[in-house]
Amino acid sequence: GVLEPHEENFVSDVNAFNIVADLIRSLAKKENCII
């Protein structure tokens, strides 16, 4: 789960991971790709 910009830990290592993870899921759902 990705935090909202107003939340305290928005710019954190864990949230950065969550943002990348969310992007990976999105790519896997919509296109042929290698990660």
Full PDB file with SEQRES, HELIX, SHEET, SSBOND, CRYST1, ORIGX, SCALE, CONECT and MASTER records, all heavy atoms in Angstrom:
SEQRES   1 A   35  GLY VAL LEU GLU PRO HIS GLU GLU ASN PHE VAL SER ASP          
SEQRES   2 A   35  VAL ASN ALA PHE ASN ILE VAL ALA ASP LEU ILE ARG SER          
SEQRES   3 A   35  LEU ALA LYS LYS GLU ASN CYS ILE ILE                          
HELIX    1 AA1 ASP A   13  LYS A   30  1                                  18    
CRYST1    1.000    1.000    1.000  90.00  90.00  90.00 P 1           1          
ORIGX1      1.000000  0.000000  0.000000        0.00000                         
ORIGX2      0.000000  1.000000  0.000000        0.00000                         
ORIGX3      0.000000  0.000000  1.000000        0.00000                         
SCALE1      1.000000  0.000000  0.000000        0.00000                         
SCALE2      0.000000  1.000000  0.000000        0.00000                         
SCALE3      0.000000  0.000000  1.000000        0.00000                         
ATOM      1  N   GLY A   1       0.823  -1.208   0.000  1.00  0.00           N  
ATOM      2  CA  GLY A   1       0.000   0.000   0.000  1.00  0.00           C  
ATOM      3  C   GLY A   1       0.853   1.252   0.000  1.00  0.00           C  
ATOM      4  O   GLY A   1       1.858   1.325   0.693  1.00  0.00           O  
ATOM      5  N   VAL A   2       0.470   2.216  -0.796  1.00  0.00           N  
ATOM      6  CA  VAL A   2       1.231   3.462  -0.943  1.00  0.00           C  
ATOM      7  C   VAL A   2       0.591   4.566  -0.117  1.00  0.00           C  
ATOM      8  O   VAL A   2      -0.620   4.752  -0.148  1.00  0.00           O  
ATOM      9  CB  VAL A   2       1.290   3.878  -2.433  1.00  0.00           C  
ATOM     10  CG1 VAL A   2       1.996   5.212  -2.590  1.00  0.00           C  
ATOM     11  CG2 VAL A   2       1.986   2.796  -3.252  1.00  0.00           C  
ATOM     12  N   LEU A   3       1.421   5.283   0.632  1.00  0.00           N  
ATOM     13  CA  LEU A   3       0.931   6.390   1.456  1.00  0.00           C  
ATOM     14  C   LEU A   3       0.589   7.600   0.586  1.00  0.00           C  
ATOM     15  O   LEU A   3       1.115   7.762  -0.512  1.00  0.00           O  
ATOM     16  CB  LEU A   3       1.985   6.783   2.489  1.00  0.00           C  
ATOM     17  CG  LEU A   3       2.400   5.707   3.500  1.00  0.00           C  
ATOM     18  CD1 LEU A   3       3.503   6.237   4.397  1.00  0.00           C  
ATOM     19  CD2 LEU A   3       1.205   5.256   4.325  1.00  0.00           C  
ATOM     20  N   GLU A   4      -0.246   8.448   1.119  1.00  0.00           N  
ATOM     21  CA  GLU A   4      -0.594   9.705   0.452  1.00  0.00           C  
ATOM     22  C   GLU A   4       0.463  10.761   0.761  1.00  0.00           C  
ATOM     23  O   GLU A   4       1.124  10.691   1.807  1.00  0.00           O  
ATOM     24  CB  GLU A   4      -1.971  10.190   0.926  1.00  0.00           C  
ATOM     25  CG  GLU A   4      -3.127   9.266   0.555  1.00  0.00           C  
ATOM     26  CD  GLU A   4      -3.316   9.165  -0.944  1.00  0.00           C  
ATOM     27  OE1 GLU A   4      -3.083  10.171  -1.647  1.00  0.00           O  
ATOM     28  OE2 GLU A   4      -3.689   8.075  -1.416  1.00  0.00           O  
ATOM     29  N   PRO A   5       0.633  11.758  -0.135  1.00  0.00           N  
ATOM     30  CA  PRO A   5       1.671  12.775   0.061  1.00  0.00           C  
ATOM     31  C   PRO A   5       1.602  13.515   1.393  1.00  0.00           C  
ATOM     32  O   PRO A   5       2.633  13.943   1.914  1.00  0.00           O  
ATOM     33  CB  PRO A   5       1.439  13.734  -1.113  1.00  0.00           C  
ATOM     34  CG  PRO A   5       0.846  12.872  -2.174  1.00  0.00           C  
ATOM     35  CD  PRO A   5      -0.038  11.896  -1.432  1.00  0.00           C  
ATOM     36  N   HIS A   6       0.409  13.642   1.969  1.00  0.00           N  
ATOM     37  CA  HIS A   6       0.286  14.390   3.220  1.00  0.00           C  
ATOM     38  C   HIS A   6       0.666  13.544   4.438  1.00  0.00           C  
ATOM     39  O   HIS A   6       0.809  14.084   5.538  1.00  0.00           O  
ATOM     40  CB  HIS A   6      -1.155  14.898   3.386  1.00  0.00           C  
ATOM     41  CG  HIS A   6      -2.162  13.800   3.548  1.00  0.00           C  
ATOM     42  ND1 HIS A   6      -2.758  13.193   2.457  1.00  0.00           N  
ATOM     43  CD2 HIS A   6      -2.658  13.178   4.654  1.00  0.00           C  
ATOM     44  CE1 HIS A   6      -3.598  12.252   2.888  1.00  0.00           C  
ATOM     45  NE2 HIS A   6      -3.542  12.217   4.211  1.00  0.00           N  
ATOM     46  N   GLU A   7       0.843  12.231   4.261  1.00  0.00           N  
ATOM     47  CA  GLU A   7       1.139  11.375   5.401  1.00  0.00           C  
ATOM     48  C   GLU A   7       2.605  11.464   5.798  1.00  0.00           C  
ATOM     49  O   GLU A   7       3.489  11.715   4.967  1.00  0.00           O  
ATOM     50  CB  GLU A   7       0.742   9.928   5.083  1.00  0.00           C  
ATOM     51  CG  GLU A   7      -0.761   9.762   4.880  1.00  0.00           C  
ATOM     52  CD  GLU A   7      -1.168   8.325   4.654  1.00  0.00           C  
ATOM     53  OE1 GLU A   7      -1.255   7.586   5.657  1.00  0.00           O  
ATOM     54  OE2 GLU A   7      -1.396   7.941   3.494  1.00  0.00           O  
ATOM     55  N   GLU A   8       2.848  11.218   7.073  1.00  0.00           N  
ATOM     56  CA  GLU A   8       4.150  11.474   7.685  1.00  0.00           C  
ATOM     57  C   GLU A   8       5.307  10.746   7.008  1.00  0.00           C  
ATOM     58  O   GLU A   8       6.369  11.315   6.799  1.00  0.00           O  
ATOM     59  CB  GLU A   8       4.103  11.080   9.174  1.00  0.00           C  
ATOM     60  CG  GLU A   8       5.405  11.371   9.912  1.00  0.00           C  
ATOM     61  CD  GLU A   8       5.323  10.980  11.374  1.00  0.00           C  
ATOM     62  OE1 GLU A   8       4.246  10.531  11.823  1.00  0.00           O  
ATOM     63  OE2 GLU A   8       6.345  11.117  12.067  1.00  0.00           O  
ATOM     64  N   ASN A   9       5.120   9.468   6.673  1.00  0.00           N  
ATOM     65  CA  ASN A   9       6.215   8.662   6.127  1.00  0.00           C  
ATOM     66  C   ASN A   9       6.169   8.538   4.606  1.00  0.00           C  
ATOM     67  O   ASN A   9       6.678   7.564   4.046  1.00  0.00           O  
ATOM     68  CB  ASN A   9       6.188   7.265   6.758  1.00  0.00           C  
ATOM     69  CG  ASN A   9       6.557   7.303   8.233  1.00  0.00           C  
ATOM     70  OD1 ASN A   9       7.560   7.900   8.608  1.00  0.00           O  
ATOM     71  ND2 ASN A   9       5.736   6.685   9.066  1.00  0.00           N  
ATOM     72  N   PHE A  10       5.574   9.539   3.937  1.00  0.00           N  
ATOM     73  CA  PHE A  10       5.454   9.479   2.486  1.00  0.00           C  
ATOM     74  C   PHE A  10       6.828   9.351   1.823  1.00  0.00           C  
ATOM     75  O   PHE A  10       7.032   8.538   0.927  1.00  0.00           O  
ATOM     76  CB  PHE A  10       4.723  10.717   1.962  1.00  0.00           C  
ATOM     77  CG  PHE A  10       4.561  10.725   0.463  1.00  0.00           C  
ATOM     78  CD1 PHE A  10       3.745   9.794  -0.163  1.00  0.00           C  
ATOM     79  CD2 PHE A  10       5.220  11.673  -0.314  1.00  0.00           C  
ATOM     80  CE1 PHE A  10       3.592   9.798  -1.553  1.00  0.00           C  
ATOM     81  CE2 PHE A  10       5.063  11.682  -1.696  1.00  0.00           C  
ATOM     82  CZ  PHE A  10       4.253  10.740  -2.318  1.00  0.00           C  
ATOM     83  N   VAL A  11       7.791  10.160   2.261  1.00  0.00           N  
ATOM     84  CA  VAL A  11       9.156  10.074   1.721  1.00  0.00           C  
ATOM     85  C   VAL A  11       9.975   9.215   2.680  1.00  0.00           C  
ATOM     86  O   VAL A  11      10.702   9.718   3.532  1.00  0.00           O  
ATOM     87  CB  VAL A  11       9.790  11.468   1.540  1.00  0.00           C  
ATOM     88  CG1 VAL A  11      11.173  11.339   0.917  1.00  0.00           C  
ATOM     89  CG2 VAL A  11       8.902  12.360   0.674  1.00  0.00           C  
ATOM     90  N   SER A  12       9.842   7.912   2.535  1.00  0.00           N  
ATOM     91  CA  SER A  12      10.565   6.969   3.372  1.00  0.00           C  
ATOM     92  C   SER A  12      10.983   5.784   2.519  1.00  0.00           C  
ATOM     93  O   SER A  12      10.438   5.553   1.439  1.00  0.00           O  
ATOM     94  CB  SER A  12       9.690   6.483   4.535  1.00  0.00           C  
ATOM     95  OG  SER A  12       8.618   5.683   4.053  1.00  0.00           O  
ATOM     96  N   ASP A  13      11.946   5.021   3.002  1.00  0.00           N  
ATOM     97  CA  ASP A  13      12.429   3.865   2.246  1.00  0.00           C  
ATOM     98  C   ASP A  13      11.301   2.859   2.007  1.00  0.00           C  
ATOM     99  O   ASP A  13      11.168   2.311   0.919  1.00  0.00           O  
ATOM    100  CB  ASP A  13      13.570   3.187   2.996  1.00  0.00           C  
ATOM    101  CG  ASP A  13      14.846   4.011   2.986  1.00  0.00           C  
ATOM    102  OD1 ASP A  13      14.747   5.246   2.978  1.00  0.00           O  
ATOM    103  OD2 ASP A  13      15.930   3.416   2.986  1.00  0.00           O  
ATOM    104  N   VAL A  14      10.496   2.609   3.036  1.00  0.00           N  
ATOM    105  CA  VAL A  14       9.416   1.630   2.911  1.00  0.00           C  
ATOM    106  C   VAL A  14       8.382   2.100   1.900  1.00  0.00           C  
ATOM    107  O   VAL A  14       7.923   1.319   1.055  1.00  0.00           O  
ATOM    108  CB  VAL A  14       8.760   1.347   4.279  1.00  0.00           C  
ATOM    109  CG1 VAL A  14       7.517   0.484   4.109  1.00  0.00           C  
ATOM    110  CG2 VAL A  14       9.742   0.683   5.225  1.00  0.00           C  
ATOM    111  N   ASN A  15       8.018   3.359   1.951  1.00  0.00           N  
ATOM    112  CA  ASN A  15       7.029   3.855   0.991  1.00  0.00           C  
ATOM    113  C   ASN A  15       7.605   3.884  -0.420  1.00  0.00           C  
ATOM    114  O   ASN A  15       6.882   3.642  -1.390  1.00  0.00           O  
ATOM    115  CB  ASN A  15       6.518   5.242   1.384  1.00  0.00           C  
ATOM    116  CG  ASN A  15       5.201   5.580   0.696  1.00  0.00           C  
ATOM    117  OD1 ASN A  15       4.283   4.767   0.668  1.00  0.00           O  
ATOM    118  ND2 ASN A  15       5.123   6.767   0.118  1.00  0.00           N  
ATOM    119  N   ALA A  16       8.899   4.183  -0.536  1.00  0.00           N  
ATOM    120  CA  ALA A  16       9.543   4.144  -1.850  1.00  0.00           C  
ATOM    121  C   ALA A  16       9.466   2.732  -2.424  1.00  0.00           C  
ATOM    122  O   ALA A  16       9.180   2.534  -3.610  1.00  0.00           O  
ATOM    123  CB  ALA A  16      10.994   4.596  -1.743  1.00  0.00           C  
ATOM    124  N   PHE A  17       9.705   1.737  -1.570  1.00  0.00           N  
ATOM    125  CA  PHE A  17       9.583   0.344  -2.004  1.00  0.00           C  
ATOM    126  C   PHE A  17       8.145   0.062  -2.444  1.00  0.00           C  
ATOM    127  O   PHE A  17       7.906  -0.573  -3.479  1.00  0.00           O  
ATOM    128  CB  PHE A  17       9.977  -0.613  -0.880  1.00  0.00           C  
ATOM    129  CG  PHE A  17       9.724  -2.061  -1.212  1.00  0.00           C  
ATOM    130  CD1 PHE A  17      10.663  -2.796  -1.922  1.00  0.00           C  
ATOM    131  CD2 PHE A  17       8.532  -2.684  -0.853  1.00  0.00           C  
ATOM    132  CE1 PHE A  17      10.420  -4.121  -2.267  1.00  0.00           C  
ATOM    133  CE2 PHE A  17       8.280  -4.003  -1.191  1.00  0.00           C  
ATOM    134  CZ  PHE A  17       9.233  -4.731  -1.896  1.00  0.00           C  
ATOM    135  N   ASN A  18       7.174   0.514  -1.656  1.00  0.00           N  
ATOM    136  CA  ASN A  18       5.769   0.267  -1.973  1.00  0.00           C  
ATOM    137  C   ASN A  18       5.365   0.889  -3.309  1.00  0.00           C  
ATOM    138  O   ASN A  18       4.569   0.324  -4.060  1.00  0.00           O  
ATOM    139  CB  ASN A  18       4.875   0.807  -0.865  1.00  0.00           C  
ATOM    140  CG  ASN A  18       4.971  -0.003   0.412  1.00  0.00           C  
ATOM    141  OD1 ASN A  18       5.413  -1.150   0.397  1.00  0.00           O  
ATOM    142  ND2 ASN A  18       4.575   0.583   1.531  1.00  0.00           N  
ATOM    143  N   ILE A  19       5.910   2.071  -3.592  1.00  0.00           N  
ATOM    144  CA  ILE A  19       5.600   2.752  -4.851  1.00  0.00           C  
ATOM    145  C   ILE A  19       6.152   1.956  -6.029  1.00  0.00           C  
ATOM    146  O   ILE A  19       5.471   1.741  -7.037  1.00  0.00           O  
ATOM    147  CB  ILE A  19       6.165   4.194  -4.847  1.00  0.00           C  
ATOM    148  CG1 ILE A  19       5.405   5.056  -3.838  1.00  0.00           C  
ATOM    149  CG2 ILE A  19       6.091   4.805  -6.238  1.00  0.00           C  
ATOM    150  CD1 ILE A  19       6.067   6.380  -3.529  1.00  0.00           C  
ATOM    151  N   VAL A  20       7.397   1.476  -5.896  1.00  0.00           N  
ATOM    152  CA  VAL A  20       8.011   0.662  -6.950  1.00  0.00           C  
ATOM    153  C   VAL A  20       7.253  -0.653  -7.105  1.00  0.00           C  
ATOM    154  O   VAL A  20       6.992  -1.111  -8.224  1.00  0.00           O  
ATOM    155  CB  VAL A  20       9.500   0.406  -6.661  1.00  0.00           C  
ATOM    156  CG1 VAL A  20      10.086  -0.577  -7.665  1.00  0.00           C  
ATOM    157  CG2 VAL A  20      10.282   1.714  -6.700  1.00  0.00           C  
ATOM    158  N   ALA A  21       6.876  -1.271  -5.978  1.00  0.00           N  
ATOM    159  CA  ALA A  21       6.139  -2.530  -6.013  1.00  0.00           C  
ATOM    160  C   ALA A  21       4.797  -2.363  -6.730  1.00  0.00           C  
ATOM    161  O   ALA A  21       4.389  -3.223  -7.523  1.00  0.00           O  
ATOM    162  CB  ALA A  21       5.925  -3.055  -4.601  1.00  0.00           C  
ATOM    163  N   ASP A  22       4.126  -1.262  -6.455  1.00  0.00           N  
ATOM    164  CA  ASP A  22       2.844  -0.986  -7.100  1.00  0.00           C  
ATOM    165  C   ASP A  22       3.026  -0.830  -8.608  1.00  0.00           C  
ATOM    166  O   ASP A  22       2.204  -1.300  -9.401  1.00  0.00           O  
ATOM    167  CB  ASP A  22       2.246   0.286  -6.489  1.00  0.00           C  
ATOM    168  CG  ASP A  22       0.784   0.492  -6.874  1.00  0.00           C  
ATOM    169  OD1 ASP A  22      -0.012  -0.441  -6.662  1.00  0.00           O  
ATOM    170  OD2 ASP A  22       0.453   1.580  -7.372  1.00  0.00           O  
ATOM    171  N   LEU A  23       4.117  -0.191  -8.994  1.00  0.00           N  
ATOM    172  CA  LEU A  23       4.432  -0.010 -10.408  1.00  0.00           C  
ATOM    173  C   LEU A  23       4.726  -1.363 -11.069  1.00  0.00           C  
ATOM    174  O   LEU A  23       4.283  -1.632 -12.192  1.00  0.00           O  
ATOM    175  CB  LEU A  23       5.632   0.925 -10.538  1.00  0.00           C  
ATOM    176  CG  LEU A  23       6.104   1.293 -11.944  1.00  0.00           C  
ATOM    177  CD1 LEU A  23       4.990   1.956 -12.744  1.00  0.00           C  
ATOM    178  CD2 LEU A  23       7.313   2.224 -11.851  1.00  0.00           C  
ATOM    179  N   ILE A  24       5.459  -2.227 -10.372  1.00  0.00           N  
ATOM    180  CA  ILE A  24       5.769  -3.561 -10.889  1.00  0.00           C  
ATOM    181  C   ILE A  24       4.487  -4.357 -11.126  1.00  0.00           C  
ATOM    182  O   ILE A  24       4.329  -5.020 -12.152  1.00  0.00           O  
ATOM    183  CB  ILE A  24       6.711  -4.304  -9.912  1.00  0.00           C  
ATOM    184  CG1 ILE A  24       8.117  -3.697  -9.977  1.00  0.00           C  
ATOM    185  CG2 ILE A  24       6.759  -5.803 -10.213  1.00  0.00           C  
ATOM    186  CD1 ILE A  24       9.066  -4.201  -8.898  1.00  0.00           C  
ATOM    187  N   ARG A  25       3.560  -4.294 -10.189  1.00  0.00           N  
ATOM    188  CA  ARG A  25       2.284  -5.002 -10.352  1.00  0.00           C  
ATOM    189  C   ARG A  25       1.519  -4.479 -11.565  1.00  0.00           C  
ATOM    190  O   ARG A  25       0.921  -5.250 -12.325  1.00  0.00           O  
ATOM    191  CB  ARG A  25       1.437  -4.841  -9.091  1.00  0.00           C  
ATOM    192  CG  ARG A  25       2.016  -5.531  -7.863  1.00  0.00           C  
ATOM    193  CD  ARG A  25       1.046  -5.460  -6.684  1.00  0.00           C  
ATOM    194  NE  ARG A  25       1.705  -5.853  -5.454  1.00  0.00           N  
ATOM    195  CZ  ARG A  25       2.207  -5.012  -4.558  1.00  0.00           C  
ATOM    196  NH1 ARG A  25       2.102  -3.690  -4.758  1.00  0.00           N  
ATOM    197  NH2 ARG A  25       2.799  -5.458  -3.469  1.00  0.00           N  
ATOM    198  N   SER A  26       1.541  -3.175 -11.723  1.00  0.00           N  
ATOM    199  CA  SER A  26       0.835  -2.556 -12.845  1.00  0.00           C  
ATOM    200  C   SER A  26       1.426  -3.005 -14.182  1.00  0.00           C  
ATOM    201  O   SER A  26       0.686  -3.349 -15.112  1.00  0.00           O  
ATOM    202  CB  SER A  26       0.916  -1.032 -12.725  1.00  0.00           C  
ATOM    203  OG  SER A  26       0.315  -0.389 -13.826  1.00  0.00           O  
ATOM    204  N   LEU A  27       2.746  -3.042 -14.271  1.00  0.00           N  
ATOM    205  CA  LEU A  27       3.408  -3.463 -15.509  1.00  0.00           C  
ATOM    206  C   LEU A  27       3.110  -4.930 -15.816  1.00  0.00           C  
ATOM    207  O   LEU A  27       2.853  -5.298 -16.960  1.00  0.00           O  
ATOM    208  CB  LEU A  27       4.921  -3.257 -15.389  1.00  0.00           C  
ATOM    209  CG  LEU A  27       5.415  -1.813 -15.374  1.00  0.00           C  
ATOM    210  CD1 LEU A  27       6.891  -1.761 -14.995  1.00  0.00           C  
ATOM    211  CD2 LEU A  27       5.192  -1.152 -16.738  1.00  0.00           C  
ATOM    212  N   ALA A  28       3.142  -5.763 -14.772  1.00  0.00           N  
ATOM    213  CA  ALA A  28       2.896  -7.197 -14.957  1.00  0.00           C  
ATOM    214  C   ALA A  28       1.477  -7.473 -15.438  1.00  0.00           C  
ATOM    215  O   ALA A  28       1.228  -8.482 -16.102  1.00  0.00           O  
ATOM    216  CB  ALA A  28       3.160  -7.943 -13.655  1.00  0.00           C  
ATOM    217  N   LYS A  29       0.560  -6.586 -15.107  1.00  0.00           N  
ATOM    218  CA  LYS A  29      -0.841  -6.783 -15.502  1.00  0.00           C  
ATOM    219  C   LYS A  29      -1.119  -6.359 -16.944  1.00  0.00           C  
ATOM    220  O   LYS A  29      -2.030  -6.891 -17.582  1.00  0.00           O  
ATOM    221  CB  LYS A  29      -1.761  -5.976 -14.574  1.00  0.00           C  
ATOM    222  CG  LYS A  29      -1.879  -6.539 -13.178  1.00  0.00           C  
ATOM    223  CD  LYS A  29      -2.739  -5.622 -12.305  1.00  0.00           C  
ATOM    224  CE  LYS A  29      -2.846  -6.136 -10.885  1.00  0.00           C  
ATOM    225  NZ  LYS A  29      -3.625  -5.207 -10.009  1.00  0.00           N  
ATOM    226  N   LYS A  30      -0.332  -5.413 -17.453  1.00  0.00           N  
ATOM    227  CA  LYS A  30      -0.739  -4.811 -18.719  1.00  0.00           C  
ATOM    228  C   LYS A  30       0.187  -5.035 -19.908  1.00  0.00           C  
ATOM    229  O   LYS A  30      -0.211  -4.780 -21.052  1.00  0.00           O  
ATOM    230  CB  LYS A  30      -0.936  -3.303 -18.529  1.00  0.00           C  
ATOM    231  CG  LYS A  30       0.343  -2.516 -18.280  1.00  0.00           C  
ATOM    232  CD  LYS A  30       0.043  -1.031 -18.066  1.00  0.00           C  
ATOM    233  CE  LYS A  30       1.325  -0.225 -17.874  1.00  0.00           C  
ATOM    234  NZ  LYS A  30       1.048   1.212 -17.656  1.00  0.00           N  
ATOM    235  N   GLU A  31       1.447  -5.512 -19.676  1.00  0.00           N  
ATOM    236  CA  GLU A  31       2.336  -5.657 -20.831  1.00  0.00           C  
ATOM    237  C   GLU A  31       3.330  -6.802 -20.651  1.00  0.00           C  
ATOM    238  O   GLU A  31       3.607  -7.237 -19.537  1.00  0.00           O  
ATOM    239  CB  GLU A  31       3.116  -4.361 -21.079  1.00  0.00           C  
ATOM    240  CG  GLU A  31       4.074  -3.989 -19.976  1.00  0.00           C  
ATOM    241  CD  GLU A  31       4.862  -2.717 -20.280  1.00  0.00           C  
ATOM    242  OE1 GLU A  31       4.240  -1.665 -20.507  1.00  0.00           O  
ATOM    243  OE2 GLU A  31       6.110  -2.789 -20.277  1.00  0.00           O  
ATOM    244  N   ASN A  32       3.839  -7.311 -21.766  1.00  0.00           N  
ATOM    245  CA  ASN A  32       4.949  -8.249 -21.727  1.00  0.00           C  
ATOM    246  C   ASN A  32       6.192  -7.480 -21.308  1.00  0.00           C  
ATOM    247  O   ASN A  32       6.499  -6.429 -21.892  1.00  0.00           O  
ATOM    248  CB  ASN A  32       5.184  -8.864 -23.104  1.00  0.00           C  
ATOM    249  CG  ASN A  32       4.040  -9.738 -23.567  1.00  0.00           C  
ATOM    250  OD1 ASN A  32       3.322 -10.308 -22.753  1.00  0.00           O  
ATOM    251  ND2 ASN A  32       3.862  -9.846 -24.871  1.00  0.00           N  
ATOM    252  N   CYS A  33       6.899  -7.971 -20.316  1.00  0.00           N  
ATOM    253  CA  CYS A  33       8.071  -7.238 -19.853  1.00  0.00           C  
ATOM    254  C   CYS A  33       9.007  -8.121 -19.041  1.00  0.00           C  
ATOM    255  O   CYS A  33       8.641  -9.227 -18.630  1.00  0.00           O  
ATOM    256  CB  CYS A  33       7.652  -6.019 -19.026  1.00  0.00           C  
ATOM    257  SG  CYS A  33       6.735  -6.423 -17.521  1.00  0.00           S  
ATOM    258  N   ILE A  34      10.204  -7.607 -18.812  1.00  0.00           N  
ATOM    259  CA  ILE A  34      11.213  -8.243 -17.970  1.00  0.00           C  
ATOM    260  C   ILE A  34      11.544  -7.261 -16.858  1.00  0.00           C  
ATOM    261  O   ILE A  34      11.749  -6.065 -17.123  1.00  0.00           O  
ATOM    262  CB  ILE A  34      12.481  -8.568 -18.777  1.00  0.00           C  
ATOM    263  CG1 ILE A  34      12.148  -9.531 -19.920  1.00  0.00           C  
ATOM    264  CG2 ILE A  34      13.566  -9.158 -17.883  1.00  0.00           C  
ATOM    265  CD1 ILE A  34      13.240  -9.626 -20.966  1.00  0.00           C  
ATOM    266  N   ILE A  35      11.592  -7.738 -15.621  1.00  0.00           N  
ATOM    267  CA  ILE A  35      11.922  -6.876 -14.481  1.00  0.00           C  
ATOM    268  C   ILE A  35      13.110  -7.466 -13.742  1.00  0.00           C  
ATOM    269  O   ILE A  35      13.095  -8.636 -13.345  1.00  0.00           O  
ATOM    270  CB  ILE A  35      10.711  -6.726 -13.540  1.00  0.00           C  
ATOM    271  CG1 ILE A  35       9.538  -6.088 -14.282  1.00  0.00           C  
ATOM    272  CG2 ILE A  35      11.092  -5.895 -12.312  1.00  0.00           C  
ATOM    273  CD1 ILE A  35       8.261  -6.008 -13.484  1.00  0.00           C  
TER     274      ILE A  35                                                      
MASTER        0    0    0    1    0    0    0    6  273    1    0    3          
END                                                                             
